Amino acid sequence: MKLLIVGGVAGGASAAARARRLSEEAEIVVFERGPDVSFANCGLPYYVGGEIAERGKLLITTPERLRARFNLDVRTRSSVEAVDRVGKKIRVRDLTSGQVYDESYDKLILAPGAAPLLPPFPGVDLPGIFTLRNLQDVDRIKQKTDDGVKHAVVVGAGFIGIELVENLIRRGVATTLVELQDQILPTFDKEMTTPMREALVARGVTLLLGQSVEAFESNKDGLTVCLNSGTRLSAQLVVIGVGVRPENKLAVDAGLDVGPRGGIRVNEYLQTSDSDIYAVGDAIEARDAVTSDATQIPLAGPANRQGRLAADNIFGRPSKYRGTQGTAILGFFDRTAAMTGQSEKSLRRANRPFRKIYIHPANHAGYYPGAEPMVLKVLFHPDTGKLLGAQAVGGAGVDKRIDVLAVALQAGMSVFDLEEMELAYAPQFGSAKDPVNMAGFVAGGLIRGDHPQLDVEAVLALTEAERPLLLDVRTPQEFSAGNIPGSINIPVDDLRSRLEEVPRDREIAVYCQVGQRGYLATRILRQSGFHASNIGGGYKTYRLFYAGSK
C-alpha cells in the first residue's frame, strides 16, 4: 500500500500517524506546502499576546520526529499542484529547488485545510495588513506588534478576531474591532453575545458593529481603514479575520464533487466521489450531526477524528464519521462563551421546530466563596424534548456544562435525561442540582405543561393592545432598580393575599430575576384560575435582549 497525504496540521498529521500504527509495511508520504507539518494554529493569537512565550511550543511535532518515530516520508515546502485520477499519481513542486515531479499512489488523502478569506478591498495588499493562518503569519504580526504598534484594527468579530483582540489588549495596543453583522460571534445567537460584548467594551475595545471595510489607504503614521459608514480609522496594524474558504482547487481541478460553498463532498467513510481518494478537515463538506444537512465547520477536533477514521477505512477497518455538531469555546480574559449543536437562528433558517429555555445559575454552590454566574440556553424539540443545541456564557464552569451537553447531544438524549443526570457534586465544583439538571427541570416542565412559558422578545414584539399584563414578582427594591416597561409589581410572597389586584380577564406574563420565583407565581396563579405564563429566564434574559435598558 502506498498512501499519499496532502496537508499536515490536524487532519493530515493524525491520518499519517494512525496509518503507520495500522501498518508497518505501508509507504506513507506526507506533503506540506509550508515549512511546518503540524502546529497549534489555535494557539497562534496567544503567542502574539505573550501568553505562549516560546514559539517552539506551537510546534505539535516536527518532520524529524515524524520520520524517526513513525517512519513517515515527510516532505515540507512541497506544493501538490495536480491529481491525475486515471494514472493515480500527483504532480508535486518542490518549492525550495523548483523541481517538479510525479508521485504515484494507491490511496490518497486530501487535507489541504482552509485559507483565510481576503476580500478584494482596495489597498488590501498594503504593508501592515495581515491574515492569520500559520506560523509565518503569526511571526509577521508579532514582529509588527513588537515594533511598537499604538493602534490596531481587527476586521471580523469571530473566534480568531476576538482572540486577537484579547492578546493585543494584553500588549497594551489600543484596538478597534469592526464587524459587518450587528453582533459579535456570529455563530452564536445574538442575545447570548451580550456579556461578551460588554466585556470587550469594559476592556477598552472600540467596537463597531454593522460596519464594513471599503478600502485601505496609506498615511504618514501607517494605515487608514475606510469604513462604509464614513468612519476613517488610523492604525499601524490591521488583521483581517472574516472567515475561511476551503482549499479545494486540487479537488475541483481533479473533477471531484464539491458542495455549493466549495467544501469537498465526502461520504460517511470520508471518501470523495473517487473511491481511492479521501478528504478530511476544514476543506470538506461534512454532515451536521443534529440536522443531517451538509455543513462546513472548520474545527480542529473534527479534523483530527476524520484523519483517524480515513486511515481506518483505508486499512480495512470500516469506520463511519457520525457528523460534526460544532462544539466550540472561546475565552476573553475572565469571560467564556461556548456552544454545541444548533443555534436558534440556524433552526429558524432551516424552519425546524424547537423550544428554548434560559437559566442563570452559578458555576457552583452559592454559599461557597467565589461562585460565578453564567447564562445557559438550551434548544430542544417541542414534543420529544430531544436536545438540538446549547450555548453558555459566563466565567468558570461554562466549559464543563457545554461538554456535558455536547455528550448528551451526541448520545441523542432529551431534556428529560438531563433531569436525571448524576454529576459530580461538592460545593466548590457544582450544586446538588447542577445547572445541567436545572436546564432539564425547566425544559421538562415546559413540555409537560407544568411550566408554561413565554419568550420575552416575542412578548415585547406585540402591540400594546395584544400584549399580556406584565407582572413582576420580585421585591420592590429589585423592581425599582430596573424592570420591563409597563410592568406592575406584586412580590411573590404577597401574591396569594393580593390576587384581587390581578385581572382575571387578561393573560398574565409573570417574571422575576431569573425565572424561579416567576415559576412559583405562575403555579399559584394558574391554580387560582388565572391564565398565566412565566417569561423564560426572567429579567436577566430581558437584559440580554435589551442591554441598554435600566
Protein backbone atom coordinates (compact mmCIF):
# COMPACT_ATOMS: atom_id res chain seq x y z
CA MET A 1 0.00 0.00 0.00
CA LYS A 2 1.29 3.43 -0.96
CA LEU A 3 -0.59 6.22 0.78
CA LEU A 4 -0.08 9.87 -0.09
CA ILE A 5 -1.39 12.60 2.22
CA VAL A 6 -1.69 16.18 1.02
CA GLY A 7 -1.51 18.55 4.01
CA GLY A 8 -0.48 18.16 7.63
CA VAL A 9 -1.67 20.10 10.72
CA ALA A 10 -4.69 18.35 12.29
CA GLY A 11 -6.33 16.09 9.70
CA GLY A 12 -3.33 15.08 7.62
CA ALA A 13 -0.91 14.54 10.51
CA SER A 14 -3.40 12.45 12.50
CA ALA A 15 -4.17 10.36 9.40
CA ALA A 16 -0.47 9.71 8.83
CA ALA A 17 0.22 8.67 12.43
CA ARG A 18 -2.85 6.42 12.54
CA ALA A 19 -1.95 4.83 9.20
CA ARG A 20 1.51 3.90 10.47
CA ARG A 21 0.07 2.39 13.65
CA LEU A 22 -2.15 0.21 11.48
CA SER A 23 0.56 -0.84 9.01
CA GLU A 24 4.32 -1.06 9.33
CA GLU A 25 4.57 -2.15 5.69
CA ALA A 26 2.78 0.76 4.04
CA GLU A 27 4.68 3.51 2.27
CA ILE A 28 3.30 6.76 3.66
CA VAL A 29 4.26 10.14 2.23
CA VAL A 30 3.06 13.46 3.65
CA PHE A 31 3.27 16.63 1.54
CA GLU A 32 3.09 20.02 3.24
CA ARG A 33 3.33 23.31 1.36
CA GLY A 34 4.75 25.20 4.34
CA PRO A 35 7.80 24.51 6.48
CA ASP A 36 5.82 23.16 9.46
CA VAL A 37 3.90 19.91 9.18
CA SER A 38 1.94 20.11 12.42
CA PHE A 39 1.43 23.21 14.54
CA ALA A 40 -1.13 24.53 17.00
CA ASN A 41 -2.99 27.06 14.86
CA CYS A 42 -5.50 27.62 17.67
CA GLY A 43 -2.64 28.90 19.83
CA LEU A 44 -1.35 31.50 17.38
CA PRO A 45 -3.14 34.55 18.90
CA TYR A 46 -1.74 33.70 22.34
CA TYR A 47 1.81 33.83 21.00
CA VAL A 48 1.12 37.39 19.81
CA GLY A 49 -0.02 38.33 23.32
CA GLY A 50 2.80 36.57 25.14
CA GLU A 51 0.60 34.04 26.94
CA ILE A 52 2.56 31.44 25.00
CA ALA A 53 6.09 32.73 25.40
CA GLU A 54 8.04 30.22 23.33
CA ARG A 55 7.38 29.85 19.61
CA GLY A 56 8.53 26.24 19.77
CA LYS A 57 5.57 25.38 22.00
CA LEU A 58 3.34 25.92 18.95
CA LEU A 59 5.01 23.04 17.12
CA ILE A 60 3.00 19.91 17.90
CA THR A 61 5.54 17.77 16.12
CA THR A 62 8.34 18.22 13.62
CA PRO A 63 9.14 16.49 10.33
CA GLU A 64 12.19 14.97 12.01
CA ARG A 65 10.14 13.44 14.82
CA LEU A 66 7.56 12.06 12.40
CA ARG A 67 10.32 10.47 10.37
CA ALA A 68 12.04 8.98 13.41
CA ARG A 69 9.02 7.80 15.38
CA PHE A 70 6.59 6.85 12.62
CA ASN A 71 8.91 6.17 9.69
CA LEU A 72 7.00 8.66 7.56
CA ASP A 73 8.33 10.29 4.42
CA VAL A 74 7.56 13.93 5.26
CA ARG A 75 8.16 16.46 2.51
CA THR A 76 7.75 20.06 3.60
CA ARG A 77 7.91 23.02 1.23
CA SER A 78 6.24 20.74 -1.31
CA SER A 79 3.22 22.01 -3.21
CA VAL A 80 0.90 19.41 -4.72
CA GLU A 81 -0.36 21.03 -7.89
CA ALA A 82 -2.47 18.39 -9.63
CA VAL A 83 -4.11 14.99 -9.18
CA ASP A 84 -4.23 12.53 -12.09
CA ARG A 85 -7.08 10.20 -11.07
CA VAL A 86 -6.71 7.97 -14.14
CA GLY A 87 -2.98 7.48 -13.75
CA LYS A 88 -3.29 7.53 -9.91
CA LYS A 89 -0.48 10.00 -9.42
CA ILE A 90 0.02 13.56 -8.23
CA ARG A 91 2.16 16.38 -9.56
CA VAL A 92 4.46 17.94 -6.91
CA ARG A 93 6.56 21.09 -6.99
CA ASP A 94 9.50 21.32 -4.59
CA LEU A 95 9.31 24.96 -3.51
CA THR A 96 12.96 25.02 -2.46
CA SER A 97 14.58 23.63 -5.61
CA GLY A 98 11.79 24.30 -8.11
CA GLN A 99 11.86 20.64 -9.21
CA VAL A 100 8.55 19.22 -10.48
CA TYR A 101 7.89 15.50 -10.26
CA ASP A 102 5.12 12.91 -10.17
CA GLU A 103 4.33 10.55 -7.29
CA SER A 104 2.06 7.53 -7.68
CA TYR A 105 -0.48 6.39 -5.08
CA ASP A 106 -2.76 3.53 -4.20
CA LYS A 107 -4.79 5.71 -1.87
CA LEU A 108 -4.78 9.48 -1.48
CA ILE A 109 -5.96 11.67 1.43
CA LEU A 110 -6.61 15.35 0.80
CA ALA A 111 -6.18 17.50 3.91
CA PRO A 112 -5.42 20.95 2.47
CA GLY A 113 -7.38 22.86 5.11
CA ALA A 114 -8.98 26.24 4.63
CA ALA A 115 -7.50 29.62 3.79
CA PRO A 116 -8.50 32.96 5.35
CA LEU A 117 -10.92 34.95 3.25
CA LEU A 118 -9.31 38.10 1.94
CA PRO A 119 -11.94 40.28 0.26
CA PRO A 120 -10.63 42.42 -2.61
CA PHE A 121 -10.68 45.71 -0.70
CA PRO A 122 -8.71 48.46 -2.44
CA GLY A 123 -5.35 48.67 -0.70
CA VAL A 124 -5.63 45.25 0.94
CA ASP A 125 -2.06 44.44 -0.14
CA LEU A 126 -0.54 47.42 1.71
CA PRO A 127 2.19 46.71 4.29
CA GLY A 128 0.81 46.17 7.79
CA ILE A 129 -2.32 44.23 6.70
CA PHE A 130 -2.35 40.55 7.61
CA THR A 131 -4.41 37.40 7.88
CA LEU A 132 -3.60 34.66 10.38
CA ARG A 133 -3.26 31.05 9.26
CA ASN A 134 0.21 29.71 10.05
CA LEU A 135 3.41 30.33 11.98
CA GLN A 136 4.81 32.62 9.30
CA ASP A 137 1.72 34.83 9.59
CA VAL A 138 1.97 35.00 13.38
CA ASP A 139 5.69 35.80 13.15
CA ARG A 140 4.90 38.83 10.99
CA ILE A 141 2.06 40.02 13.25
CA LYS A 142 4.13 39.57 16.39
CA GLN A 143 7.11 41.38 14.87
CA LYS A 144 4.88 44.28 13.87
CA THR A 145 3.46 44.40 17.42
CA ASP A 146 6.94 44.20 18.93
CA ASP A 147 7.97 47.18 16.80
CA GLY A 148 5.62 49.40 18.81
CA VAL A 149 2.12 49.41 17.33
CA LYS A 150 -0.05 52.05 19.01
CA HIS A 151 -3.38 51.21 17.41
CA ALA A 152 -4.64 48.08 15.67
CA VAL A 153 -7.82 47.31 13.75
CA VAL A 154 -9.18 43.79 13.68
CA VAL A 155 -11.74 43.14 10.95
CA GLY A 156 -14.14 40.33 11.85
CA ALA A 157 -15.53 39.54 15.32
CA GLY A 158 -15.45 35.76 15.10
CA PHE A 159 -13.36 33.48 17.29
CA ILE A 160 -9.98 34.40 15.80
CA GLY A 161 -10.81 38.09 15.77
CA ILE A 162 -11.77 38.23 19.44
CA GLU A 163 -8.80 36.09 20.48
CA LEU A 164 -6.51 38.51 18.63
CA VAL A 165 -8.20 41.49 20.26
CA GLU A 166 -7.63 39.97 23.71
CA ASN A 167 -3.95 39.46 23.03
CA LEU A 168 -3.43 42.88 21.51
CA ILE A 169 -5.05 44.42 24.60
CA ARG A 170 -2.67 42.35 26.75
CA ARG A 171 0.17 44.01 24.84
CA GLY A 172 -1.24 47.47 25.55
CA VAL A 173 -2.33 48.10 21.96
CA ALA A 174 -5.45 50.28 21.56
CA THR A 175 -7.71 48.09 19.42
CA THR A 176 -10.80 48.65 17.28
CA LEU A 177 -12.93 45.66 16.28
CA VAL A 178 -15.02 46.01 13.11
CA GLU A 179 -17.82 43.54 12.29
CA LEU A 180 -20.23 43.57 9.35
CA GLN A 181 -23.03 41.89 11.28
CA ASP A 182 -24.93 43.52 14.14
CA GLN A 183 -23.35 41.21 16.72
CA ILE A 184 -20.02 39.70 17.68
CA LEU A 185 -19.52 35.91 17.41
CA PRO A 186 -21.96 35.41 14.51
CA THR A 187 -22.32 31.65 15.09
CA PHE A 188 -23.99 32.40 18.45
CA ASP A 189 -27.49 33.74 18.93
CA LYS A 190 -27.28 37.49 19.26
CA GLU A 191 -28.61 37.84 22.80
CA MET A 192 -26.09 35.29 24.10
CA THR A 193 -23.23 37.53 22.94
CA THR A 194 -24.31 40.43 25.18
CA PRO A 195 -22.00 39.53 28.13
CA MET A 196 -19.02 39.13 25.80
CA ARG A 197 -19.79 42.40 24.05
CA GLU A 198 -19.95 44.16 27.41
CA ALA A 199 -16.64 42.55 28.41
CA LEU A 200 -14.98 43.85 25.23
CA VAL A 201 -16.17 47.40 25.87
CA ALA A 202 -15.16 47.19 29.54
CA ARG A 203 -11.61 46.31 28.46
CA GLY A 204 -11.43 49.43 26.32
CA VAL A 205 -12.08 47.87 22.90
CA THR A 206 -13.73 50.19 20.38
CA LEU A 207 -16.49 48.01 18.92
CA LEU A 208 -18.01 48.96 15.56
CA LEU A 209 -20.89 46.64 14.62
CA GLY A 210 -22.88 46.70 11.38
CA GLN A 211 -19.96 48.29 9.54
CA SER A 212 -17.65 47.03 6.83
CA VAL A 213 -14.35 47.99 5.26
CA GLU A 214 -14.46 49.81 1.94
CA ALA A 215 -10.76 50.44 1.42
CA PHE A 216 -7.33 50.77 3.00
CA GLU A 217 -5.04 53.73 2.46
CA SER A 218 -1.50 54.64 3.50
CA ASN A 219 -0.89 57.59 5.76
CA LYS A 220 2.16 59.08 7.46
CA ASP A 221 1.52 57.04 10.61
CA GLY A 222 0.72 53.76 8.87
CA LEU A 223 -2.73 52.90 7.57
CA THR A 224 -6.20 54.39 7.27
CA VAL A 225 -9.12 51.96 7.36
CA CYS A 226 -12.10 53.43 5.48
CA LEU A 227 -15.50 52.09 6.56
CA ASN A 228 -18.83 52.20 4.74
CA SER A 229 -20.19 54.45 7.50
CA GLY A 230 -17.70 57.14 6.55
CA THR A 231 -15.55 56.44 9.62
CA ARG A 232 -11.80 56.55 9.00
CA LEU A 233 -9.60 54.66 11.45
CA SER A 234 -5.88 55.20 11.83
CA ALA A 235 -3.77 52.13 12.63
CA GLN A 236 -0.32 50.65 12.28
CA LEU A 237 -1.59 47.06 12.21
CA VAL A 238 -4.68 45.52 10.57
CA VAL A 239 -5.62 41.86 10.88
CA ILE A 240 -8.45 40.52 8.71
CA GLY A 241 -10.38 37.56 10.13
CA VAL A 242 -13.69 37.47 8.27
CA GLY A 243 -13.86 33.72 7.74
CA VAL A 244 -12.21 30.94 5.78
CA ARG A 245 -12.76 29.15 2.48
CA PRO A 246 -11.94 25.51 1.71
CA GLU A 247 -8.69 24.93 -0.15
CA ASN A 248 -10.45 22.95 -2.86
CA LYS A 249 -8.51 23.74 -6.05
CA LEU A 250 -6.91 20.29 -6.25
CA ALA A 251 -10.29 18.63 -5.85
CA VAL A 252 -12.05 20.90 -8.34
CA ASP A 253 -9.31 20.52 -10.96
CA ALA A 254 -9.43 16.75 -10.49
CA GLY A 255 -13.19 16.69 -11.09
CA LEU A 256 -14.17 15.66 -7.58
CA ASP A 257 -17.60 16.68 -6.32
CA VAL A 258 -17.77 19.84 -4.22
CA GLY A 259 -20.69 21.47 -2.47
CA PRO A 260 -22.22 24.90 -3.21
CA ARG A 261 -19.93 26.58 -0.66
CA GLY A 262 -16.85 24.84 -2.02
CA GLY A 263 -16.44 22.03 0.51
CA ILE A 264 -15.17 18.74 -0.89
CA ARG A 265 -18.03 16.25 -0.72
CA VAL A 266 -17.37 13.01 1.14
CA ASN A 267 -19.49 10.06 2.22
CA GLU A 268 -19.74 8.71 5.77
CA TYR A 269 -16.44 6.85 5.22
CA LEU A 270 -14.77 10.14 4.19
CA GLN A 271 -14.37 9.01 0.58
CA THR A 272 -14.73 11.61 -2.13
CA SER A 273 -16.53 10.90 -5.41
CA ASP A 274 -13.40 8.89 -6.27
CA SER A 275 -13.30 5.83 -4.00
CA ASP A 276 -9.48 5.88 -3.86
CA ILE A 277 -9.36 9.48 -2.69
CA TYR A 278 -10.37 10.54 0.82
CA ALA A 279 -10.68 14.06 2.21
CA VAL A 280 -10.63 15.35 5.78
CA GLY A 281 -10.51 18.56 7.80
CA ASP A 282 -11.54 22.12 7.05
CA ALA A 283 -11.71 21.52 3.30
CA ILE A 284 -14.64 19.08 3.40
CA GLU A 285 -18.39 19.33 3.49
CA ALA A 286 -19.44 17.21 6.47
CA ARG A 287 -22.81 16.03 7.78
CA ASP A 288 -24.37 18.04 10.57
CA ALA A 289 -24.79 15.64 13.47
CA VAL A 290 -28.06 17.28 14.59
CA THR A 291 -29.89 18.03 11.34
CA SER A 292 -28.07 15.64 8.94
CA ASP A 293 -27.71 18.54 6.50
CA ALA A 294 -24.44 19.24 4.70
CA THR A 295 -22.30 21.75 6.57
CA GLN A 296 -18.81 23.22 6.81
CA ILE A 297 -17.46 23.67 10.33
CA PRO A 298 -13.69 24.29 10.49
CA LEU A 299 -12.66 22.88 13.87
CA ALA A 300 -9.52 21.02 14.97
CA GLY A 301 -11.31 18.26 16.91
CA PRO A 302 -13.41 17.01 13.99
CA ALA A 303 -10.41 17.26 11.67
CA ASN A 304 -8.36 15.02 13.96
CA ARG A 305 -11.14 12.43 14.18
CA GLN A 306 -11.66 12.48 10.43
CA GLY A 307 -7.97 11.84 9.84
CA ARG A 308 -8.03 8.78 12.10
CA LEU A 309 -11.20 7.42 10.50
CA ALA A 310 -9.92 7.90 6.96
CA ALA A 311 -6.82 5.86 7.84
CA ASP A 312 -9.01 3.18 9.47
CA ASN A 313 -11.09 2.86 6.31
CA ILE A 314 -8.06 2.70 4.03
CA PHE A 315 -6.52 -0.09 6.08
CA GLY A 316 -9.56 -2.32 6.29
CA ARG A 317 -11.30 -1.07 9.43
CA PRO A 318 -14.64 0.27 8.18
CA SER A 319 -15.48 3.31 10.33
CA LYS A 320 -18.24 5.87 9.80
CA TYR A 321 -17.93 9.54 10.61
CA ARG A 322 -21.03 10.39 12.67
CA GLY A 323 -21.01 14.06 11.69
CA THR A 324 -19.96 17.37 13.21
CA GLN A 325 -22.03 19.13 15.87
CA GLY A 326 -19.96 22.30 16.12
CA THR A 327 -18.86 22.20 19.74
CA ALA A 328 -16.69 25.29 20.27
CA ILE A 329 -15.44 27.55 23.04
CA LEU A 330 -13.88 30.98 23.31
CA GLY A 331 -12.21 32.86 26.14
CA PHE A 332 -11.85 36.61 26.57
CA PHE A 333 -9.93 37.40 29.76
CA ASP A 334 -12.26 36.10 32.53
CA ARG A 335 -15.28 35.54 30.24
CA THR A 336 -16.09 32.33 28.38
CA ALA A 337 -18.57 31.60 25.59
CA ALA A 338 -19.25 28.07 24.38
CA MET A 339 -21.78 26.27 22.21
CA THR A 340 -22.71 22.89 20.79
CA GLY A 341 -25.22 21.83 18.17
CA GLN A 342 -27.70 24.15 16.50
CA SER A 343 -28.35 27.79 17.33
CA GLU A 344 -31.80 29.31 17.38
CA LYS A 345 -31.15 31.26 14.22
CA SER A 346 -29.90 28.19 12.34
CA LEU A 347 -33.02 26.27 13.38
CA ARG A 348 -35.18 29.18 12.21
CA ARG A 349 -33.36 29.30 8.86
CA ALA A 350 -33.98 25.58 8.40
CA ASN A 351 -37.64 26.01 9.51
CA ARG A 352 -37.24 23.31 12.16
CA PRO A 353 -39.48 23.20 15.24
CA PHE A 354 -37.89 23.96 18.61
CA ARG A 355 -38.42 25.42 22.06
CA LYS A 356 -35.82 27.15 24.21
CA ILE A 357 -35.12 27.87 27.83
CA TYR A 358 -32.70 30.20 29.61
CA ILE A 359 -31.34 29.71 33.11
CA HIS A 360 -28.91 31.87 35.09
CA PRO A 361 -27.14 29.58 37.57
CA ALA A 362 -23.85 29.91 39.42
CA ASN A 363 -20.99 27.63 38.50
CA HIS A 364 -21.02 26.08 41.99
CA ALA A 365 -22.93 26.28 45.26
CA GLY A 366 -23.76 29.88 46.06
CA TYR A 367 -22.79 29.58 49.71
CA TYR A 368 -19.24 28.53 48.79
CA PRO A 369 -16.95 31.54 48.13
CA GLY A 370 -16.23 32.52 44.57
CA ALA A 371 -19.40 31.41 42.79
CA GLU A 372 -19.59 32.94 39.30
CA PRO A 373 -22.77 33.45 37.27
CA MET A 374 -23.43 32.07 33.81
CA VAL A 375 -26.23 32.13 31.24
CA LEU A 376 -27.24 28.78 29.79
CA LYS A 377 -29.55 28.48 26.78
CA VAL A 378 -30.83 25.07 25.71
CA LEU A 379 -32.74 24.32 22.49
CA PHE A 380 -34.87 21.18 22.16
CA HIS A 381 -37.67 19.59 20.17
CA PRO A 382 -41.03 20.89 21.43
CA ASP A 383 -42.66 17.45 21.58
CA THR A 384 -39.94 14.90 22.35
CA GLY A 385 -37.56 17.17 24.24
CA LYS A 386 -34.64 15.85 22.18
CA LEU A 387 -31.63 18.15 22.53
CA LEU A 388 -30.87 20.30 19.49
CA GLY A 389 -28.24 22.72 20.79
CA ALA A 390 -26.93 24.71 23.74
CA GLN A 391 -24.99 27.91 24.39
CA ALA A 392 -23.42 29.21 27.59
CA VAL A 393 -21.70 32.46 28.52
CA GLY A 394 -20.12 33.35 31.84
CA GLY A 395 -17.00 32.68 33.85
CA ALA A 396 -15.81 29.45 35.45
CA GLY A 397 -17.81 26.31 34.74
CA VAL A 398 -19.08 27.19 31.28
CA ASP A 399 -16.75 24.65 29.64
CA LYS A 400 -17.91 21.85 31.93
CA ARG A 401 -21.61 22.38 31.22
CA ILE A 402 -21.20 22.65 27.45
CA ASP A 403 -19.06 19.49 27.41
CA VAL A 404 -21.75 17.59 29.35
CA LEU A 405 -24.42 18.88 26.98
CA ALA A 406 -22.28 18.06 23.94
CA VAL A 407 -22.05 14.42 25.06
CA ALA A 408 -25.79 14.36 25.78
CA LEU A 409 -26.46 15.77 22.32
CA GLN A 410 -24.20 13.19 20.68
CA ALA A 411 -26.00 10.43 22.59
CA GLY A 412 -29.39 11.61 21.34
CA MET A 413 -30.60 12.45 24.83
CA SER A 414 -33.60 14.60 25.71
CA VAL A 415 -34.19 17.27 28.34
CA PHE A 416 -35.84 14.56 30.45
CA ASP A 417 -32.50 12.76 30.54
CA LEU A 418 -30.87 15.95 31.81
CA GLU A 419 -33.20 15.90 34.80
CA GLU A 420 -31.82 12.50 35.78
CA MET A 421 -28.13 13.08 35.13
CA GLU A 422 -25.88 12.21 38.06
CA LEU A 423 -22.98 14.65 38.04
CA ALA A 424 -20.12 15.19 40.47
CA TYR A 425 -21.02 17.48 43.35
CA ALA A 426 -19.07 19.22 46.06
CA PRO A 427 -19.74 22.89 46.86
CA GLN A 428 -16.55 24.13 45.21
CA PHE A 429 -17.35 22.29 41.96
CA GLY A 430 -21.10 22.42 41.46
CA SER A 431 -24.50 22.19 43.10
CA ALA A 432 -26.66 19.29 44.15
CA LYS A 433 -28.93 20.43 41.34
CA ASP A 434 -26.32 21.12 38.69
CA PRO A 435 -27.06 23.73 36.03
CA VAL A 436 -27.46 20.85 33.57
CA ASN A 437 -30.12 19.30 35.82
CA MET A 438 -31.81 22.68 36.22
CA ALA A 439 -31.99 23.11 32.46
CA GLY A 440 -33.68 19.71 32.28
CA PHE A 441 -36.16 20.63 35.04
CA VAL A 442 -37.17 23.87 33.34
CA ALA A 443 -37.40 22.40 29.83
CA GLY A 444 -39.14 19.23 31.05
CA GLY A 445 -41.69 21.29 32.96
CA LEU A 446 -42.35 23.37 29.88
CA ILE A 447 -43.11 20.29 27.75
CA ARG A 448 -45.26 18.69 30.45
CA GLY A 449 -47.30 21.86 30.80
CA ASP A 450 -46.23 22.46 34.40
CA HIS A 451 -44.22 25.48 33.37
CA PRO A 452 -45.99 27.39 30.55
CA GLN A 453 -43.50 29.87 29.20
CA LEU A 454 -43.43 32.99 27.05
CA ASP A 455 -40.32 34.26 25.29
CA VAL A 456 -39.59 37.85 26.31
CA GLU A 457 -38.73 39.05 22.82
CA ALA A 458 -42.00 37.63 21.47
CA VAL A 459 -43.99 39.35 24.21
CA LEU A 460 -42.37 42.72 23.60
CA ALA A 461 -42.84 42.40 19.84
CA LEU A 462 -46.62 42.51 20.36
CA THR A 463 -48.59 45.73 20.17
CA GLU A 464 -49.67 47.27 23.45
CA ALA A 465 -53.22 46.05 22.84
CA GLU A 466 -52.05 42.49 22.18
CA ARG A 467 -49.53 42.32 25.00
CA PRO A 468 -50.36 40.40 28.21
CA LEU A 469 -50.21 42.10 31.59
CA LEU A 470 -46.58 42.09 32.76
CA LEU A 471 -46.40 41.04 36.41
CA ASP A 472 -43.05 41.48 38.17
CA VAL A 473 -42.98 39.27 41.29
CA ARG A 474 -39.62 40.45 42.64
CA THR A 475 -39.19 42.68 45.68
CA PRO A 476 -39.98 46.40 45.44
CA GLN A 477 -36.26 47.13 45.72
CA GLU A 478 -35.46 44.91 42.73
CA PHE A 479 -38.36 46.38 40.77
CA SER A 480 -37.21 49.97 41.35
CA ALA A 481 -33.67 49.08 40.28
CA GLY A 482 -34.93 48.10 36.83
CA ASN A 483 -37.94 46.43 35.25
CA ILE A 484 -39.60 45.62 31.95
CA PRO A 485 -41.52 48.75 30.90
CA GLY A 486 -45.25 48.56 31.57
CA SER A 487 -44.98 46.08 34.45
CA ILE A 488 -46.84 46.06 37.73
CA ASN A 489 -45.14 44.76 40.88
CA ILE A 490 -46.56 42.24 43.36
CA PRO A 491 -43.87 40.28 45.21
CA VAL A 492 -44.39 36.53 45.06
CA ASP A 493 -44.55 36.29 48.85
CA ASP A 494 -47.55 38.69 48.82
CA LEU A 495 -49.27 37.25 45.75
CA ARG A 496 -51.72 34.90 47.48
CA SER A 497 -53.11 37.75 49.60
CA ARG A 498 -53.30 40.20 46.69
CA LEU A 499 -54.89 38.10 43.96
CA GLU A 500 -57.77 40.60 43.71
CA GLU A 501 -55.29 43.07 42.15
CA VAL A 502 -54.68 40.73 39.22
CA PRO A 503 -57.24 40.90 36.37
CA ARG A 504 -58.93 37.59 35.58
CA ASP A 505 -59.96 38.61 32.06
CA ARG A 506 -56.44 39.12 30.75
CA GLU A 507 -53.44 36.93 30.02
CA ILE A 508 -50.69 37.37 32.62
CA ALA A 509 -46.96 37.29 31.79
CA VAL A 510 -45.07 36.75 35.03
CA TYR A 511 -41.38 37.37 35.54
CA CYS A 512 -38.77 37.58 38.30
CA GLN A 513 -34.99 37.90 38.17
CA VAL A 514 -34.08 34.54 36.65
CA GLY A 515 -37.34 32.58 36.40
CA GLN A 516 -37.63 30.61 39.64
CA ARG A 517 -39.98 32.94 41.55
CA GLY A 518 -41.85 33.55 38.31
CA TYR A 519 -42.43 29.80 38.01
CA LEU A 520 -43.83 29.64 41.54
CA ALA A 521 -46.05 32.66 40.88
CA THR A 522 -47.28 31.07 37.66
CA ARG A 523 -48.25 27.92 39.57
CA ILE A 524 -50.12 29.98 42.18
CA LEU A 525 -52.00 31.96 39.54
CA ARG A 526 -52.94 29.03 37.33
CA GLN A 527 -54.24 27.01 40.27
CA SER A 528 -56.27 30.08 41.27
CA GLY A 529 -57.98 30.28 37.89
CA PHE A 530 -55.76 32.81 36.12
CA HIS A 531 -54.33 32.38 32.60
CA ALA A 532 -50.67 32.93 33.45
CA SER A 533 -47.32 32.05 31.90
CA ASN A 534 -43.74 32.68 33.01
CA ILE A 535 -41.33 34.78 30.96
CA GLY A 536 -38.44 32.40 30.38
CA GLY A 537 -35.25 33.35 32.18
CA GLY A 538 -36.79 36.40 33.83
CA TYR A 539 -35.42 39.92 33.93
CA LYS A 540 -31.84 38.77 33.32
CA THR A 541 -32.88 37.28 29.99
CA TYR A 542 -34.71 40.50 29.13
CA ARG A 543 -31.42 42.31 29.74
CA LEU A 544 -29.66 40.03 27.25
CA PHE A 545 -32.01 41.26 24.54
CA TYR A 546 -32.28 44.85 25.74
CA ALA A 547 -28.89 45.51 27.31
CA GLY A 548 -29.31 49.27 27.16
CA SER A 549 -32.34 49.18 29.43
CA LYS A 550 -32.19 50.20 33.09
